[in-house]
Amino acid sequence: MFLHTVGYNIGNRVIGASFGRSGEVVSRYFQRVFHAIGELRDDLIRKPSLETQTKTEGNYRWDLYFKDYIGAIDGKHVRASITPDMQPKQ
């Protein structure tokens, strides 16, 4: 349930209907898994390395695509965005 919620951005009601559980149960277990992952953050999440990938470093062909990208995982760019309600007020 947690992976479906996070991976597909699906709400509790839809997850509950898909798995035959109430929204309350889905929410309760989502929170449990979320907190468990938080406890394991030091084991699961690594800070990005400051070293440039040797394959792309100084290579004009790759520089066009990766020049100003920050936060790559395993050398692949991961698209991320902040929802409008979470963005800082200007």
PDB file of N, CA and C in Angstrom:
ATOM      1  N   MET A   1       0.822  -1.188   0.000  1.00  0.00           N
ATOM      2  CA  MET A   1       0.000   0.000   0.000  1.00  0.00           C
ATOM      3  C   MET A   1       0.871   1.259   0.000  1.00  0.00           C
ATOM      4  N   PHE A   2       1.914   1.232   0.799  1.00  0.00           N
ATOM      5  CA  PHE A   2       2.805   2.390   0.877  1.00  0.00           C
ATOM      6  C   PHE A   2       3.446   2.670  -0.481  1.00  0.00           C
ATOM      7  N   LEU A   3       3.963   1.625  -1.117  1.00  0.00           N
ATOM      8  CA  LEU A   3       4.636   1.816  -2.404  1.00  0.00           C
ATOM      9  C   LEU A   3       3.672   2.305  -3.480  1.00  0.00           C
ATOM     10  N   HIS A   4       2.452   1.815  -3.475  1.00  0.00           N
ATOM     11  CA  HIS A   4       1.455   2.300  -4.436  1.00  0.00           C
ATOM     12  C   HIS A   4       1.135   3.772  -4.180  1.00  0.00           C
ATOM     13  N   THR A   5       0.983   4.132  -2.922  1.00  0.00           N
ATOM     14  CA  THR A   5       0.665   5.520  -2.579  1.00  0.00           C
ATOM     15  C   THR A   5       1.779   6.456  -3.025  1.00  0.00           C
ATOM     16  N   VAL A   6       3.007   6.097  -2.700  1.00  0.00           N
ATOM     17  CA  VAL A   6       4.147   6.952  -3.029  1.00  0.00           C
ATOM     18  C   VAL A   6       4.477   6.890  -4.516  1.00  0.00           C
ATOM     19  N   GLY A   7       4.484   5.699  -5.081  1.00  0.00           N
ATOM     20  CA  GLY A   7       4.898   5.524  -6.471  1.00  0.00           C
ATOM     21  C   GLY A   7       3.930   6.078  -7.494  1.00  0.00           C
ATOM     22  N   TYR A   8       2.638   6.001  -7.184  1.00  0.00           N
ATOM     23  CA  TYR A   8       1.638   6.427  -8.164  1.00  0.00           C
ATOM     24  C   TYR A   8       0.846   7.655  -7.725  1.00  0.00           C
ATOM     25  N   ASN A   9       1.219   8.234  -6.564  1.00  0.00           N
ATOM     26  CA  ASN A   9       0.540   9.427  -6.052  1.00  0.00           C
ATOM     27  C   ASN A   9      -0.969   9.203  -5.956  1.00  0.00           C
ATOM     28  N   ILE A  10      -1.345   8.124  -5.280  1.00  0.00           N
ATOM     29  CA  ILE A  10      -2.745   7.744  -5.132  1.00  0.00           C
ATOM     30  C   ILE A  10      -3.181   8.045  -3.704  1.00  0.00           C
ATOM     31  N   GLY A  11      -4.394   8.536  -3.548  1.00  0.00           N
ATOM     32  CA  GLY A  11      -4.925   8.877  -2.231  1.00  0.00           C
ATOM     33  C   GLY A  11      -5.363   7.663  -1.426  1.00  0.00           C
ATOM     34  N   ASN A  12      -5.594   7.886  -0.136  1.00  0.00           N
ATOM     35  CA  ASN A  12      -5.994   6.818   0.776  1.00  0.00           C
ATOM     36  C   ASN A  12      -7.283   6.127   0.345  1.00  0.00           C
ATOM     37  N   ARG A  13      -8.235   6.895  -0.137  1.00  0.00           N
ATOM     38  CA  ARG A  13      -9.528   6.318  -0.519  1.00  0.00           C
ATOM     39  C   ARG A  13      -9.363   5.305  -1.650  1.00  0.00           C
ATOM     40  N   VAL A  14      -8.582   5.652  -2.656  1.00  0.00           N
ATOM     41  CA  VAL A  14      -8.362   4.747  -3.792  1.00  0.00           C
ATOM     42  C   VAL A  14      -7.570   3.524  -3.348  1.00  0.00           C
ATOM     43  N   ILE A  15      -6.528   3.733  -2.553  1.00  0.00           N
ATOM     44  CA  ILE A  15      -5.733   2.612  -2.041  1.00  0.00           C
ATOM     45  C   ILE A  15      -6.606   1.702  -1.191  1.00  0.00           C
ATOM     46  N   GLY A  16      -7.424   2.292  -0.323  1.00  0.00           N
ATOM     47  CA  GLY A  16      -8.309   1.501   0.523  1.00  0.00           C
ATOM     48  C   GLY A  16      -9.258   0.647  -0.290  1.00  0.00           C
ATOM     49  N   ALA A  17      -9.826   1.221  -1.341  1.00  0.00           N
ATOM     50  CA  ALA A  17     -10.741   0.463  -2.199  1.00  0.00           C
ATOM     51  C   ALA A  17     -10.000  -0.646  -2.938  1.00  0.00           C
ATOM     52  N   SER A  18      -8.793  -0.371  -3.391  1.00  0.00           N
ATOM     53  CA  SER A  18      -8.014  -1.374  -4.131  1.00  0.00           C
ATOM     54  C   SER A  18      -7.613  -2.552  -3.253  1.00  0.00           C
ATOM     55  N   PHE A  19      -7.301  -2.282  -1.987  1.00  0.00           N
ATOM     56  CA  PHE A  19      -6.823  -3.325  -1.084  1.00  0.00           C
ATOM     57  C   PHE A  19      -7.894  -3.805  -0.106  1.00  0.00           C
ATOM     58  N   GLY A  20      -9.098  -3.288  -0.232  1.00  0.00           N
ATOM     59  CA  GLY A  20     -10.180  -3.713   0.640  1.00  0.00           C
ATOM     60  C   GLY A  20      -9.993  -3.286   2.085  1.00  0.00           C
ATOM     61  N   ARG A  21      -9.492  -2.086   2.297  1.00  0.00           N
ATOM     62  CA  ARG A  21      -9.256  -1.556   3.638  1.00  0.00           C
ATOM     63  C   ARG A  21      -9.868  -0.157   3.735  1.00  0.00           C
ATOM     64  N   SER A  22     -10.122   0.274   4.951  1.00  0.00           N
ATOM     65  CA  SER A  22     -10.669   1.619   5.145  1.00  0.00           C
ATOM     66  C   SER A  22      -9.556   2.656   4.997  1.00  0.00           C
ATOM     67  N   GLY A  23      -9.963   3.893   4.749  1.00  0.00           N
ATOM     68  CA  GLY A  23      -8.986   4.973   4.652  1.00  0.00           C
ATOM     69  C   GLY A  23      -8.203   5.145   5.938  1.00  0.00           C
ATOM     70  N   GLU A  24      -8.856   4.879   7.078  1.00  0.00           N
ATOM     71  CA  GLU A  24      -8.182   4.990   8.372  1.00  0.00           C
ATOM     72  C   GLU A  24      -7.062   3.966   8.498  1.00  0.00           C
ATOM     73  N   VAL A  25      -7.328   2.728   8.071  1.00  0.00           N
ATOM     74  CA  VAL A  25      -6.308   1.672   8.135  1.00  0.00           C
ATOM     75  C   VAL A  25      -5.151   2.006   7.203  1.00  0.00           C
ATOM     76  N   VAL A  26      -5.479   2.458   6.000  1.00  0.00           N
ATOM     77  CA  VAL A  26      -4.435   2.831   5.043  1.00  0.00           C
ATOM     78  C   VAL A  26      -3.575   3.940   5.630  1.00  0.00           C
ATOM     79  N   SER A  27      -4.206   4.946   6.200  1.00  0.00           N
ATOM     80  CA  SER A  27      -3.469   6.063   6.787  1.00  0.00           C
ATOM     81  C   SER A  27      -2.584   5.606   7.941  1.00  0.00           C
ATOM     82  N   ARG A  28      -3.122   4.754   8.805  1.00  0.00           N
ATOM     83  CA  ARG A  28      -2.367   4.271   9.963  1.00  0.00           C
ATOM     84  C   ARG A  28      -1.116   3.521   9.526  1.00  0.00           C
ATOM     85  N   TYR A  29      -1.274   2.607   8.560  1.00  0.00           N
ATOM     86  CA  TYR A  29      -0.118   1.821   8.131  1.00  0.00           C
ATOM     87  C   TYR A  29       0.847   2.632   7.275  1.00  0.00           C
ATOM     88  N   PHE A  30       0.332   3.600   6.519  1.00  0.00           N
ATOM     89  CA  PHE A  30       1.216   4.492   5.776  1.00  0.00           C
ATOM     90  C   PHE A  30       2.130   5.220   6.759  1.00  0.00           C
ATOM     91  N   GLN A  31       1.557   5.748   7.832  1.00  0.00           N
ATOM     92  CA  GLN A  31       2.348   6.461   8.833  1.00  0.00           C
ATOM     93  C   GLN A  31       3.380   5.552   9.494  1.00  0.00           C
ATOM     94  N   ARG A  32       2.994   4.310   9.784  1.00  0.00           N
ATOM     95  CA  ARG A  32       3.942   3.367  10.404  1.00  0.00           C
ATOM     96  C   ARG A  32       5.136   3.104   9.492  1.00  0.00           C
ATOM     97  N   VAL A  33       4.858   2.851   8.214  1.00  0.00           N
ATOM     98  CA  VAL A  33       5.949   2.579   7.262  1.00  0.00           C
ATOM     99  C   VAL A  33       6.788   3.836   7.065  1.00  0.00           C
ATOM    100  N   PHE A  34       6.129   4.974   6.965  1.00  0.00           N
ATOM    101  CA  PHE A  34       6.842   6.235   6.776  1.00  0.00           C
ATOM    102  C   PHE A  34       7.800   6.498   7.937  1.00  0.00           C
ATOM    103  N   HIS A  35       7.333   6.288   9.153  1.00  0.00           N
ATOM    104  CA  HIS A  35       8.197   6.493  10.322  1.00  0.00           C
ATOM    105  C   HIS A  35       9.312   5.449  10.382  1.00  0.00           C
ATOM    106  N   ALA A  36       9.020   4.212   9.972  1.00  0.00           N
ATOM    107  CA  ALA A  36      10.059   3.171   9.956  1.00  0.00           C
ATOM    108  C   ALA A  36      11.161   3.535   8.964  1.00  0.00           C
ATOM    109  N   ILE A  37      10.783   4.059   7.806  1.00  0.00           N
ATOM    110  CA  ILE A  37      11.778   4.490   6.823  1.00  0.00           C
ATOM    111  C   ILE A  37      12.586   5.654   7.393  1.00  0.00           C
ATOM    112  N   GLY A  38      11.916   6.534   8.122  1.00  0.00           N
ATOM    113  CA  GLY A  38      12.626   7.634   8.776  1.00  0.00           C
ATOM    114  C   GLY A  38      13.665   7.140   9.764  1.00  0.00           C
ATOM    115  N   GLU A  39      13.349   6.072  10.486  1.00  0.00           N
ATOM    116  CA  GLU A  39      14.303   5.491  11.430  1.00  0.00           C
ATOM    117  C   GLU A  39      15.495   4.868  10.706  1.00  0.00           C
ATOM    118  N   LEU A  40      15.278   4.403   9.488  1.00  0.00           N
ATOM    119  CA  LEU A  40      16.337   3.756   8.707  1.00  0.00           C
ATOM    120  C   LEU A  40      17.040   4.726   7.762  1.00  0.00           C
ATOM    121  N   ARG A  41      16.745   6.015   7.888  1.00  0.00           N
ATOM    122  CA  ARG A  41      17.268   6.981   6.919  1.00  0.00           C
ATOM    123  C   ARG A  41      18.785   6.961   6.792  1.00  0.00           C
ATOM    124  N   ASP A  42      19.488   6.729   7.891  1.00  0.00           N
ATOM    125  CA  ASP A  42      20.951   6.713   7.812  1.00  0.00           C
ATOM    126  C   ASP A  42      21.458   5.514   7.022  1.00  0.00           C
ATOM    127  N   ASP A  43      20.692   4.419   7.020  1.00  0.00           N
ATOM    128  CA  ASP A  43      21.080   3.227   6.270  1.00  0.00           C
ATOM    129  C   ASP A  43      20.594   3.269   4.827  1.00  0.00           C
ATOM    130  N   LEU A  44      19.455   3.941   4.573  1.00  0.00           N
ATOM    131  CA  LEU A  44      18.841   3.919   3.250  1.00  0.00           C
ATOM    132  C   LEU A  44      19.198   5.115   2.378  1.00  0.00           C
ATOM    133  N   ILE A  45      19.449   6.254   2.991  1.00  0.00           N
ATOM    134  CA  ILE A  45      19.652   7.480   2.222  1.00  0.00           C
ATOM    135  C   ILE A  45      21.092   7.945   2.382  1.00  0.00           C
ATOM    136  N   ARG A  46      21.765   8.104   1.251  1.00  0.00           N
ATOM    137  CA  ARG A  46      23.142   8.595   1.247  1.00  0.00           C
ATOM    138  C   ARG A  46      23.173   9.999   0.685  1.00  0.00           C
ATOM    139  N   LYS A  47      23.993  10.838   1.269  1.00  0.00           N
ATOM    140  CA  LYS A  47      24.169  12.172   0.713  1.00  0.00           C
ATOM    141  C   LYS A  47      24.879  12.042  -0.625  1.00  0.00           C
ATOM    142  N   PRO A  48      24.541  12.906  -1.587  1.00  0.00           N
ATOM    143  CA  PRO A  48      25.171  12.807  -2.900  1.00  0.00           C
ATOM    144  C   PRO A  48      26.671  13.064  -2.835  1.00  0.00           C
ATOM    145  N   SER A  49      27.394  12.354  -3.670  1.00  0.00           N
ATOM    146  CA  SER A  49      28.836  12.525  -3.760  1.00  0.00           C
ATOM    147  C   SER A  49      29.136  13.816  -4.513  1.00  0.00           C
ATOM    148  N   LEU A  50      30.180  14.482  -4.138  1.00  0.00           N
ATOM    149  CA  LEU A  50      30.572  15.707  -4.833  1.00  0.00           C
ATOM    150  C   LEU A  50      31.426  15.423  -6.056  1.00  0.00           C
ATOM    151  N   GLU A  51      31.784  14.156  -6.243  1.00  0.00           N
ATOM    152  CA  GLU A  51      32.593  13.775  -7.393  1.00  0.00           C
ATOM    153  C   GLU A  51      31.730  13.727  -8.651  1.00  0.00           C
ATOM    154  N   THR A  52      32.240  14.252  -9.732  1.00  0.00           N
ATOM    155  CA  THR A  52      31.554  14.200 -11.014  1.00  0.00           C
ATOM    156  C   THR A  52      31.747  12.817 -11.623  1.00  0.00           C
ATOM    157  N   GLN A  53      30.712  12.314 -12.247  1.00  0.00           N
ATOM    158  CA  GLN A  53      30.829  11.024 -12.913  1.00  0.00           C
ATOM    159  C   GLN A  53      31.919  11.120 -13.979  1.00  0.00           C
ATOM    160  N   THR A  54      32.855  10.180 -13.967  1.00  0.00           N
ATOM    161  CA  THR A  54      33.987  10.245 -14.893  1.00  0.00           C
ATOM    162  C   THR A  54      33.539  10.125 -16.342  1.00  0.00           C
ATOM    163  N   LYS A  55      32.449   9.421 -16.593  1.00  0.00           N
ATOM    164  CA  LYS A  55      31.984   9.253 -17.971  1.00  0.00           C
ATOM    165  C   LYS A  55      31.491  10.575 -18.556  1.00  0.00           C
ATOM    166  N   THR A  56      30.883  11.418 -17.723  1.00  0.00           N
ATOM    167  CA  THR A  56      30.323  12.665 -18.225  1.00  0.00           C
ATOM    168  C   THR A  56      31.241  13.867 -18.032  1.00  0.00           C
ATOM    169  N   GLU A  57      32.217  13.747 -17.183  1.00  0.00           N
ATOM    170  CA  GLU A  57      33.092  14.872 -16.862  1.00  0.00           C
ATOM    171  C   GLU A  57      33.897  15.305 -18.083  1.00  0.00           C
ATOM    172  N   GLY A  58      33.732  16.566 -18.468  1.00  0.00           N
ATOM    173  CA  GLY A  58      34.497  17.122 -19.572  1.00  0.00           C
ATOM    174  C   GLY A  58      34.092  16.612 -20.947  1.00  0.00           C
ATOM    175  N   ASN A  59      33.049  15.813 -21.031  1.00  0.00           N
ATOM    176  CA  ASN A  59      32.593  15.269 -22.304  1.00  0.00           C
ATOM    177  C   ASN A  59      31.486  16.178 -22.837  1.00  0.00           C
ATOM    178  N   TYR A  60      31.751  16.861 -23.947  1.00  0.00           N
ATOM    179  CA  TYR A  60      30.808  17.825 -24.507  1.00  0.00           C
ATOM    180  C   TYR A  60      29.451  17.188 -24.776  1.00  0.00           C
ATOM    181  N   ARG A  61      29.456  15.956 -25.256  1.00  0.00           N
ATOM    182  CA  ARG A  61      28.206  15.268 -25.593  1.00  0.00           C
ATOM    183  C   ARG A  61      27.287  15.154 -24.371  1.00  0.00           C
ATOM    184  N   TRP A  62      27.847  14.811 -23.225  1.00  0.00           N
ATOM    185  CA  TRP A  62      27.048  14.643 -22.012  1.00  0.00           C
ATOM    186  C   TRP A  62      26.827  15.972 -21.306  1.00  0.00           C
ATOM    187  N   ASP A  63      27.743  16.904 -21.471  1.00  0.00           N
ATOM    188  CA  ASP A  63      27.653  18.186 -20.793  1.00  0.00           C
ATOM    189  C   ASP A  63      26.393  18.947 -21.199  1.00  0.00           C
ATOM    190  N   LEU A  64      25.934  18.753 -22.424  1.00  0.00           N
ATOM    191  CA  LEU A  64      24.714  19.409 -22.881  1.00  0.00           C
ATOM    192  C   LEU A  64      23.514  19.002 -22.028  1.00  0.00           C
ATOM    193  N   TYR A  65      23.498  17.760 -21.563  1.00  0.00           N
ATOM    194  CA  TYR A  65      22.356  17.235 -20.823  1.00  0.00           C
ATOM    195  C   TYR A  65      22.503  17.360 -19.308  1.00  0.00           C
ATOM    196  N   PHE A  66      23.723  17.259 -18.799  1.00  0.00           N
ATOM    197  CA  PHE A  66      23.921  17.167 -17.357  1.00  0.00           C
ATOM    198  C   PHE A  66      24.677  18.332 -16.734  1.00  0.00           C
ATOM    199  N   LYS A  67      24.895  19.402 -17.472  1.00  0.00           N
ATOM    200  CA  LYS A  67      25.751  20.489 -17.000  1.00  0.00           C
ATOM    201  C   LYS A  67      25.334  21.037 -15.633  1.00  0.00           C
ATOM    202  N   ASP A  68      24.091  21.421 -15.461  1.00  0.00           N
ATOM    203  CA  ASP A  68      23.648  22.060 -14.222  1.00  0.00           C
ATOM    204  C   ASP A  68      22.713  21.188 -13.386  1.00  0.00           C
ATOM    205  N   TYR A  69      22.750  19.898 -13.595  1.00  0.00           N
ATOM    206  CA  TYR A  69      21.869  19.006 -12.846  1.00  0.00           C
ATOM    207  C   TYR A  69      22.481  18.678 -11.498  1.00  0.00           C
ATOM    208  N   ILE A  70      21.658  18.709 -10.473  1.00  0.00           N
ATOM    209  CA  ILE A  70      22.092  18.397  -9.112  1.00  0.00           C
ATOM    210  C   ILE A  70      21.174  17.307  -8.577  1.00  0.00           C
ATOM    211  N   GLY A  71      21.719  16.396  -7.776  1.00  0.00           N
ATOM    212  CA  GLY A  71      20.893  15.393  -7.118  1.00  0.00           C
ATOM    213  C   GLY A  71      20.635  14.157  -7.948  1.00  0.00           C
ATOM    214  N   ALA A  72      21.624  13.663  -8.644  1.00  0.00           N
ATOM    215  CA  ALA A  72      21.450  12.457  -9.437  1.00  0.00           C
ATOM    216  C   ALA A  72      21.647  11.227  -8.566  1.00  0.00           C
ATOM    217  N   ILE A  73      20.925  10.173  -8.893  1.00  0.00           N
ATOM    218  CA  ILE A  73      21.046   8.897  -8.197  1.00  0.00           C
ATOM    219  C   ILE A  73      21.608   7.894  -9.193  1.00  0.00           C
ATOM    220  N   ASP A  74      22.685   7.249  -8.847  1.00  0.00           N
ATOM    221  CA  ASP A  74      23.325   6.267  -9.721  1.00  0.00           C
ATOM    222  C   ASP A  74      23.610   6.841 -11.103  1.00  0.00           C
ATOM    223  N   GLY A  75      23.897   8.112 -11.186  1.00  0.00           N
ATOM    224  CA  GLY A  75      24.237   8.731 -12.461  1.00  0.00           C
ATOM    225  C   GLY A  75      23.046   9.059 -13.335  1.00  0.00           C
ATOM    226  N   LYS A  76      21.828   8.864 -12.830  1.00  0.00           N
ATOM    227  CA  LYS A  76      20.625   9.161 -13.608  1.00  0.00           C
ATOM    228  C   LYS A  76      19.903  10.336 -12.969  1.00  0.00           C
ATOM    229  N   HIS A  77      19.378  11.232 -13.789  1.00  0.00           N
ATOM    230  CA  HIS A  77      18.648  12.382 -13.274  1.00  0.00           C
ATOM    231  C   HIS A  77      17.266  11.940 -12.817  1.00  0.00           C
ATOM    232  N   VAL A  78      16.854  12.421 -11.665  1.00  0.00           N
ATOM    233  CA  VAL A  78      15.530  12.125 -11.135  1.00  0.00           C
ATOM    234  C   VAL A  78      14.757  13.428 -11.077  1.00  0.00           C
ATOM    235  N   ARG A  79      13.627  13.477 -11.774  1.00  0.00           N
ATOM    236  CA  ARG A  79      12.815  14.685 -11.786  1.00  0.00           C
ATOM    237  C   ARG A  79      12.081  14.811 -10.451  1.00  0.00           C
ATOM    238  N   ALA A  80      12.107  15.977  -9.872  1.00  0.00           N
ATOM    239  CA  ALA A  80      11.410  16.226  -8.616  1.00  0.00           C
ATOM    240  C   ALA A  80      10.792  17.609  -8.672  1.00  0.00           C
ATOM    241  N   SER A  81       9.686  17.770  -7.981  1.00  0.00           N
ATOM    242  CA  SER A  81       9.053  19.075  -7.933  1.00  0.00           C
ATOM    243  C   SER A  81       8.372  19.252  -6.584  1.00  0.00           C
ATOM    244  N   ILE A  82       8.081  20.494  -6.262  1.00  0.00           N
ATOM    245  CA  ILE A  82       7.405  20.828  -5.017  1.00  0.00           C
ATOM    246  C   ILE A  82       5.993  21.261  -5.367  1.00  0.00           C
ATOM    247  N   THR A  83       5.017  20.722  -4.651  1.00  0.00           N
ATOM    248  CA  THR A  83       3.634  21.096  -4.914  1.00  0.00           C
ATOM    249  C   THR A  83       3.441  22.574  -4.601  1.00  0.00           C
ATOM    250  N   PRO A  84       2.518  23.234  -5.306  1.00  0.00           N
ATOM    251  CA  PRO A  84       2.332  24.677  -5.098  1.00  0.00           C
ATOM    252  C   PRO A  84       2.059  25.058  -3.646  1.00  0.00           C
ATOM    253  N   ASP A  85       1.333  24.219  -2.901  1.00  0.00           N
ATOM    254  CA  ASP A  85       1.037  24.566  -1.513  1.00  0.00           C
ATOM    255  C   ASP A  85       2.260  24.465  -0.604  1.00  0.00           C
ATOM    256  N   MET A  86       3.301  23.760  -1.034  1.00  0.00           N
ATOM    257  CA  MET A  86       4.518  23.611  -0.239  1.00  0.00           C
ATOM    258  C   MET A  86       5.599  24.619  -0.630  1.00  0.00           C
ATOM    259  N   GLN A  87       5.401  25.350  -1.734  1.00  0.00           N
ATOM    260  CA  GLN A  87       6.402  26.304  -2.197  1.00  0.00           C
ATOM    261  C   GLN A  87       6.401  27.540  -1.306  1.00  0.00           C
ATOM    262  N   PRO A  88       7.580  28.147  -1.103  1.00  0.00           N
ATOM    263  CA  PRO A  88       7.642  29.343  -0.253  1.00  0.00           C
ATOM    264  C   PRO A  88       6.875  30.506  -0.872  1.00  0.00           C
ATOM    265  N   LYS A  89       6.266  31.288  -0.016  1.00  0.00           N
ATOM    266  CA  LYS A  89       5.516  32.466  -0.474  1.00  0.00           C
ATOM    267  C   LYS A  89       6.500  33.564  -0.853  1.00  0.00           C
ATOM    268  N   GLN A  90       6.254  34.217  -1.971  1.00  0.00           N
ATOM    269  CA  GLN A  90       7.157  35.263  -2.463  1.00  0.00           C
ATOM    270  C   GLN A  90       6.751  36.612  -1.956  1.00  0.00           C
TER     271      GLN A  90
END
